[in-house]
Amino acid sequence: MKILITGGAGFVGSALSGRLLEMGHEITVIGSSSRCRLPAHPLLAYVAADTTRPGDWQRHVPEQDAIVNLAGRSVFNLWTETYKKTIYDSRILTTRNLTAALPATSEAVLLSTSAAGYYGDGGEVEKTETSGPGDDFLAHVCRDWEAEANKAADKGARVAVMRFGVVLGKGGGAVATMKTPFRLGLGGPIGSGKQWFPWIHLDDLVGAILFLLTAEECHGPFNFTAPQPVRQKEFARQLGAALHRPALLPTPAFVMRLILGEFGRSLLQGQKVLPRALADSGYLFTYPELQPALREIVRD
């Protein structure tokens, strides 16, 4: 297959690109960096571009069999009004430009990222793909993001939306951010720790993408989360155990709100998300449980 990946040099994109190249696919990666950070490969092409703007990069879209849209600036930052616009535009405008570049009649597959934040603060309610959206900033971003991706279906493309949970893997993501304070004995839950923590191992995230690329009957939203969500306090405990460190120092909720503002408030929320659509479609998780997933990730 010929596959284009936006954000293909990031944490998730690098893992996905590597697997696809191993399988013999021809990959075009669109990234914001002027230089490609991926190892050179005869089946790999790299295009540097600002995907929030129409440009020459769009000419690569019509020739693809599949497009995996992973572009989007990190939400892990102070949410000033300027940065919130950056979060929004990097997702919505990129996706809009991708769908606009598709031919009027397309047989391509579009796998487009969204997030478990689509559901807002879910409390104790289980969230499946048929659950409605929340009403906070991230929920509105996800709703508009998905709407732009679904426009590709009007051109004949098969569209699957991937609502990512917190991605856990070696060399990046949430675990890389948390390892240092935990190893210093400073790790612990956020706020009460009772909020649900939707997570997925990077291997399963890549595996589910590969599954959807060829599952011709699969379209619509898919929760990219492990089938056994945990509360944030339990995640902290198990990460501490995997690192052989205590997880006893919670970060008080008022500190999160005071220092990080709206972003801090979002971290105090949670969603009990279940991957029902993936399970019903036949995908089998390699890491359905948190403890083996963390042990694999922190193992040297």
Protein backbone atom coordinates (compact mmCIF):
# COMPACT_ATOMS: atom_id res chain seq x y z
CA MET A 1 0.00 0.00 0.00
CA LYS A 2 0.95 3.63 -0.44
CA ILE A 3 0.29 5.35 2.89
CA LEU A 4 0.60 9.00 3.88
CA ILE A 5 1.04 9.85 7.57
CA THR A 6 0.69 13.36 8.96
CA GLY A 7 2.60 13.71 12.21
CA GLY A 8 4.48 10.59 11.14
CA ALA A 9 7.74 11.53 12.87
CA GLY A 10 6.24 11.94 16.36
CA PHE A 11 6.02 9.40 19.18
CA VAL A 12 3.13 7.42 17.69
CA GLY A 13 4.02 8.18 14.08
CA SER A 14 7.59 6.91 14.40
CA ALA A 15 6.41 3.57 15.79
CA LEU A 16 3.73 3.24 13.11
CA SER A 17 6.06 4.25 10.26
CA GLY A 18 8.64 1.71 11.39
CA ARG A 19 6.13 -1.13 11.44
CA LEU A 20 4.69 -0.22 8.05
CA LEU A 21 8.14 -0.03 6.46
CA GLU A 22 9.01 -3.45 7.91
CA MET A 23 5.87 -4.78 6.22
CA GLY A 24 6.98 -3.38 2.85
CA HIS A 25 4.56 -0.48 2.51
CA GLU A 26 5.53 2.76 0.73
CA ILE A 27 5.31 5.61 3.25
CA THR A 28 5.11 9.38 2.81
CA VAL A 29 5.53 11.23 6.10
CA ILE A 30 4.40 14.84 6.44
CA GLY A 31 6.08 16.62 9.35
CA SER A 32 6.63 20.13 10.66
CA SER A 33 10.39 19.75 11.17
CA SER A 34 12.68 20.81 8.34
CA ARG A 35 14.60 17.53 8.74
CA CYS A 36 13.24 14.01 8.94
CA ARG A 37 13.97 12.42 12.32
CA LEU A 38 13.22 8.93 11.05
CA PRO A 39 15.99 6.57 9.84
CA ALA A 40 16.50 6.64 6.10
CA HIS A 41 14.68 3.90 4.19
CA PRO A 42 14.20 3.30 0.45
CA LEU A 43 10.39 3.14 0.90
CA LEU A 44 10.22 6.33 2.98
CA ALA A 45 9.67 9.86 1.66
CA TYR A 46 9.56 12.88 3.95
CA VAL A 47 7.82 16.18 3.23
CA ALA A 48 8.28 19.18 5.54
CA ALA A 49 5.13 21.31 5.65
CA ASP A 50 2.76 23.34 7.77
CA THR A 51 -0.33 21.20 7.30
CA THR A 52 -2.60 23.87 8.76
CA ARG A 53 -2.12 25.70 5.46
CA PRO A 54 -2.91 24.55 1.94
CA GLY A 55 0.26 23.89 -0.01
CA ASP A 56 2.33 21.72 -2.29
CA TRP A 57 2.21 18.90 0.29
CA GLN A 58 -1.42 18.27 -0.67
CA ARG A 59 -0.44 16.91 -4.10
CA HIS A 60 0.72 13.73 -2.35
CA VAL A 61 -2.76 12.99 -0.99
CA PRO A 62 -4.65 11.78 -4.12
CA GLU A 63 -2.02 9.13 -4.95
CA GLN A 64 -2.36 7.32 -1.60
CA ASP A 65 -4.21 4.12 -0.78
CA ALA A 66 -4.49 5.18 2.86
CA ILE A 67 -3.98 8.25 5.02
CA VAL A 68 -3.27 8.16 8.75
CA ASN A 69 -3.83 11.58 10.27
CA LEU A 70 -1.83 11.94 13.50
CA ALA A 71 -1.06 15.67 13.36
CA GLY A 72 -1.82 17.89 16.35
CA ARG A 73 0.11 20.00 18.80
CA SER A 74 0.51 18.57 22.30
CA VAL A 75 -2.15 19.48 24.88
CA PHE A 76 0.50 19.27 27.63
CA ASN A 77 1.10 22.97 27.95
CA LEU A 78 -0.40 25.99 29.67
CA TRP A 79 -3.67 26.72 27.91
CA THR A 80 -3.47 30.39 27.09
CA GLU A 81 -6.02 31.57 24.55
CA THR A 82 -3.23 31.62 21.96
CA TYR A 83 -2.16 28.06 22.71
CA LYS A 84 -5.77 26.80 22.71
CA LYS A 85 -6.07 28.19 19.18
CA THR A 86 -2.88 26.33 18.26
CA ILE A 87 -4.31 23.08 19.65
CA TYR A 88 -7.52 23.61 17.69
CA ASP A 89 -6.02 24.76 14.39
CA SER A 90 -3.33 22.06 14.28
CA ARG A 91 -6.07 19.44 14.31
CA ILE A 92 -9.05 20.93 12.53
CA LEU A 93 -7.23 22.81 9.76
CA THR A 94 -4.89 19.90 9.01
CA THR A 95 -7.82 17.51 8.70
CA ARG A 96 -9.77 20.01 6.59
CA ASN A 97 -6.83 20.37 4.20
CA LEU A 98 -6.42 16.59 3.95
CA THR A 99 -10.05 15.99 3.03
CA ALA A 100 -10.00 18.91 0.59
CA ALA A 101 -7.04 17.31 -1.20
CA LEU A 102 -8.85 14.03 -1.79
CA PRO A 103 -10.22 13.57 -5.31
CA ALA A 104 -13.96 13.96 -5.82
CA THR A 105 -14.30 10.17 -6.01
CA SER A 106 -11.89 8.41 -3.69
CA GLU A 107 -11.33 4.79 -2.69
CA ALA A 108 -8.79 5.69 -0.02
CA VAL A 109 -8.91 4.85 3.66
CA LEU A 110 -8.68 7.74 6.13
CA LEU A 111 -7.80 6.90 9.72
CA SER A 112 -8.01 10.15 11.65
CA THR A 113 -7.08 10.74 15.26
CA SER A 114 -9.42 12.04 17.92
CA ALA A 115 -9.21 11.51 21.68
CA ALA A 116 -11.01 10.06 24.67
CA GLY A 117 -11.47 13.70 25.64
CA TYR A 118 -14.38 13.62 23.19
CA TYR A 119 -16.50 12.38 26.10
CA GLY A 120 -15.62 15.23 28.48
CA ASP A 121 -15.65 14.45 32.19
CA GLY A 122 -17.33 11.06 32.17
CA GLY A 123 -17.51 10.46 35.91
CA GLU A 124 -18.55 6.86 36.63
CA VAL A 125 -20.43 6.31 33.36
CA GLU A 126 -18.96 3.81 30.90
CA LYS A 127 -18.27 5.42 27.53
CA THR A 128 -18.53 3.49 24.30
CA GLU A 129 -18.49 4.73 20.72
CA THR A 130 -22.22 5.43 20.82
CA SER A 131 -21.91 7.77 23.83
CA GLY A 132 -22.39 11.48 23.20
CA PRO A 133 -19.71 14.19 23.42
CA GLY A 134 -18.84 16.30 26.45
CA ASP A 135 -19.04 20.07 26.63
CA ASP A 136 -15.57 21.28 27.58
CA PHE A 137 -12.75 22.62 25.40
CA LEU A 138 -11.22 19.26 24.47
CA ALA A 139 -14.63 17.75 23.77
CA HIS A 140 -15.41 20.60 21.37
CA VAL A 141 -12.02 20.17 19.68
CA CYS A 142 -12.63 16.44 19.21
CA ARG A 143 -16.16 16.96 17.93
CA ASP A 144 -15.02 19.45 15.27
CA TRP A 145 -11.95 17.32 14.46
CA GLU A 146 -14.10 14.28 13.75
CA ALA A 147 -16.56 16.32 11.72
CA GLU A 148 -13.77 17.42 9.37
CA ALA A 149 -12.54 13.83 8.96
CA ASN A 150 -16.02 12.52 8.21
CA LYS A 151 -16.30 14.89 5.24
CA ALA A 152 -13.96 12.49 3.43
CA ALA A 153 -16.78 9.92 3.40
CA ASP A 154 -18.74 12.28 1.12
CA LYS A 155 -15.98 11.69 -1.46
CA GLY A 156 -16.18 7.91 -1.11
CA ALA A 157 -13.33 7.35 1.34
CA ARG A 158 -13.70 4.84 4.16
CA VAL A 159 -13.27 6.88 7.35
CA ALA A 160 -12.43 5.54 10.79
CA VAL A 161 -11.94 7.93 13.70
CA MET A 162 -9.50 6.82 16.42
CA ARG A 163 -10.29 8.19 19.89
CA PHE A 164 -6.92 7.79 21.60
CA GLY A 165 -6.59 7.22 25.31
CA VAL A 166 -3.33 8.07 27.11
CA VAL A 167 -0.60 6.35 25.08
CA LEU A 168 1.95 4.35 27.09
CA GLY A 169 5.17 3.20 25.45
CA LYS A 170 8.95 3.22 25.49
CA GLY A 171 10.80 6.39 24.62
CA GLY A 172 7.99 8.90 24.91
CA GLY A 173 4.40 9.56 25.85
CA ALA A 174 3.02 9.70 29.36
CA VAL A 175 5.44 7.23 30.95
CA ALA A 176 8.51 9.17 29.78
CA THR A 177 7.06 12.32 31.38
CA MET A 178 6.27 10.58 34.69
CA LYS A 179 9.32 8.32 35.13
CA THR A 180 11.68 10.94 36.57
CA PRO A 181 9.49 12.17 39.46
CA PHE A 182 8.53 8.58 40.31
CA ARG A 183 12.15 7.46 40.35
CA LEU A 184 12.92 10.36 42.68
CA GLY A 185 10.16 9.16 45.01
CA LEU A 186 7.96 12.15 44.13
CA GLY A 187 5.27 10.34 42.16
CA GLY A 188 1.66 9.90 43.10
CA PRO A 189 -1.93 10.38 42.02
CA ILE A 190 -3.39 13.64 40.73
CA GLY A 191 -6.09 15.15 42.93
CA SER A 192 -8.30 12.50 44.52
CA GLY A 193 -7.02 9.84 42.11
CA LYS A 194 -10.57 8.52 41.75
CA GLN A 195 -10.94 9.74 38.16
CA TRP A 196 -10.87 7.04 35.48
CA PHE A 197 -7.71 6.82 33.37
CA PRO A 198 -8.20 5.54 29.80
CA TRP A 199 -4.89 4.16 28.53
CA ILE A 200 -3.46 2.10 25.68
CA HIS A 201 -0.08 0.49 25.09
CA LEU A 202 1.73 1.83 22.02
CA ASP A 203 1.99 -1.69 20.56
CA ASP A 204 -1.79 -2.05 20.68
CA LEU A 205 -2.34 1.40 19.25
CA VAL A 206 -0.13 0.56 16.26
CA GLY A 207 -1.69 -2.89 16.03
CA ALA A 208 -5.20 -1.44 15.95
CA ILE A 209 -4.22 0.99 13.19
CA LEU A 210 -2.82 -1.87 11.11
CA PHE A 211 -6.02 -3.80 11.77
CA LEU A 212 -8.27 -0.95 10.61
CA LEU A 213 -6.20 -0.27 7.49
CA THR A 214 -7.28 -3.58 5.97
CA ALA A 215 -10.62 -4.22 7.71
CA GLU A 216 -12.79 -3.02 4.85
CA GLU A 217 -16.03 -3.25 6.84
CA CYS A 218 -14.74 -0.99 9.64
CA HIS A 219 -15.73 2.67 9.66
CA GLY A 220 -16.92 5.26 12.15
CA PRO A 221 -15.52 5.94 15.64
CA PHE A 222 -13.26 3.52 17.50
CA ASN A 223 -12.08 3.93 21.08
CA PHE A 224 -8.33 3.31 21.13
CA THR A 225 -8.17 2.37 24.81
CA ALA A 226 -7.35 -0.84 26.65
CA PRO A 227 -10.39 -2.93 27.66
CA GLN A 228 -9.51 -2.58 31.35
CA PRO A 229 -9.40 1.12 32.34
CA VAL A 230 -8.13 1.94 35.81
CA ARG A 231 -8.52 4.85 38.18
CA GLN A 232 -5.71 7.38 38.19
CA LYS A 233 -4.68 6.38 41.71
CA GLU A 234 -4.29 2.76 40.60
CA PHE A 235 -2.26 3.82 37.58
CA ALA A 236 0.11 5.78 39.84
CA ARG A 237 0.40 2.80 42.20
CA GLN A 238 1.19 0.36 39.41
CA LEU A 239 3.68 2.70 37.73
CA GLY A 240 5.43 3.11 41.08
CA ALA A 241 5.49 -0.67 41.53
CA ALA A 242 6.94 -1.19 38.04
CA LEU A 243 9.70 1.32 38.86
CA HIS A 244 10.13 -0.10 42.40
CA ARG A 245 9.25 3.27 43.87
CA PRO A 246 6.45 4.48 46.14
CA ALA A 247 3.51 6.47 44.79
CA LEU A 248 2.57 8.31 47.94
CA LEU A 249 2.71 12.02 47.09
CA PRO A 250 -0.53 13.20 45.50
CA THR A 251 -0.68 16.50 43.66
CA PRO A 252 -3.56 18.41 45.30
CA ALA A 253 -6.38 19.47 43.00
CA PHE A 254 -6.08 23.12 43.98
CA VAL A 255 -2.41 23.11 42.96
CA MET A 256 -3.30 21.72 39.53
CA ARG A 257 -5.95 24.38 39.05
CA LEU A 258 -3.76 27.18 40.40
CA ILE A 259 -0.64 26.41 38.37
CA LEU A 260 -2.07 24.94 35.17
CA GLY A 261 -5.46 26.64 35.03
CA GLU A 262 -7.90 25.13 32.53
CA PHE A 263 -5.42 22.43 31.52
CA GLY A 264 -5.01 21.49 35.19
CA ARG A 265 -8.77 21.18 35.55
CA SER A 266 -8.87 18.86 32.53
CA LEU A 267 -6.28 16.57 34.17
CA LEU A 268 -8.60 16.17 37.15
CA GLN A 269 -11.29 14.75 34.87
CA GLY A 270 -11.53 11.19 33.63
CA GLN A 271 -13.38 8.88 31.30
CA LYS A 272 -14.20 5.20 31.76
CA VAL A 273 -13.79 4.40 28.09
CA LEU A 274 -14.30 0.91 26.64
CA PRO A 275 -13.10 -0.18 23.16
CA ARG A 276 -16.32 -1.90 22.19
CA ALA A 277 -16.06 -1.26 18.44
CA LEU A 278 -12.55 -2.71 18.20
CA ALA A 279 -13.55 -5.75 20.27
CA ASP A 280 -16.70 -6.34 18.20
CA SER A 281 -14.62 -6.07 15.00
CA GLY A 282 -12.26 -8.82 16.18
CA TYR A 283 -9.17 -6.93 17.33
CA LEU A 284 -7.31 -8.79 20.12
CA PHE A 285 -5.31 -6.66 22.54
CA THR A 286 -1.74 -7.65 23.36
CA TYR A 287 -1.88 -5.62 26.58
CA PRO A 288 -5.43 -5.59 27.96
CA GLU A 289 -4.13 -5.20 31.54
CA LEU A 290 -2.04 -2.34 32.93
CA GLN A 291 0.55 -4.21 35.00
CA PRO A 292 2.10 -6.24 32.12
CA ALA A 293 1.99 -3.16 29.91
CA LEU A 294 3.96 -1.04 32.40
CA ARG A 295 6.44 -3.81 33.11
CA GLU A 296 7.22 -4.11 29.41
CA ILE A 297 7.63 -0.36 29.03
CA VAL A 298 9.97 0.28 31.99
CA ARG A 299 12.07 -2.86 31.40
CA ASP A 300 15.56 -1.82 30.32
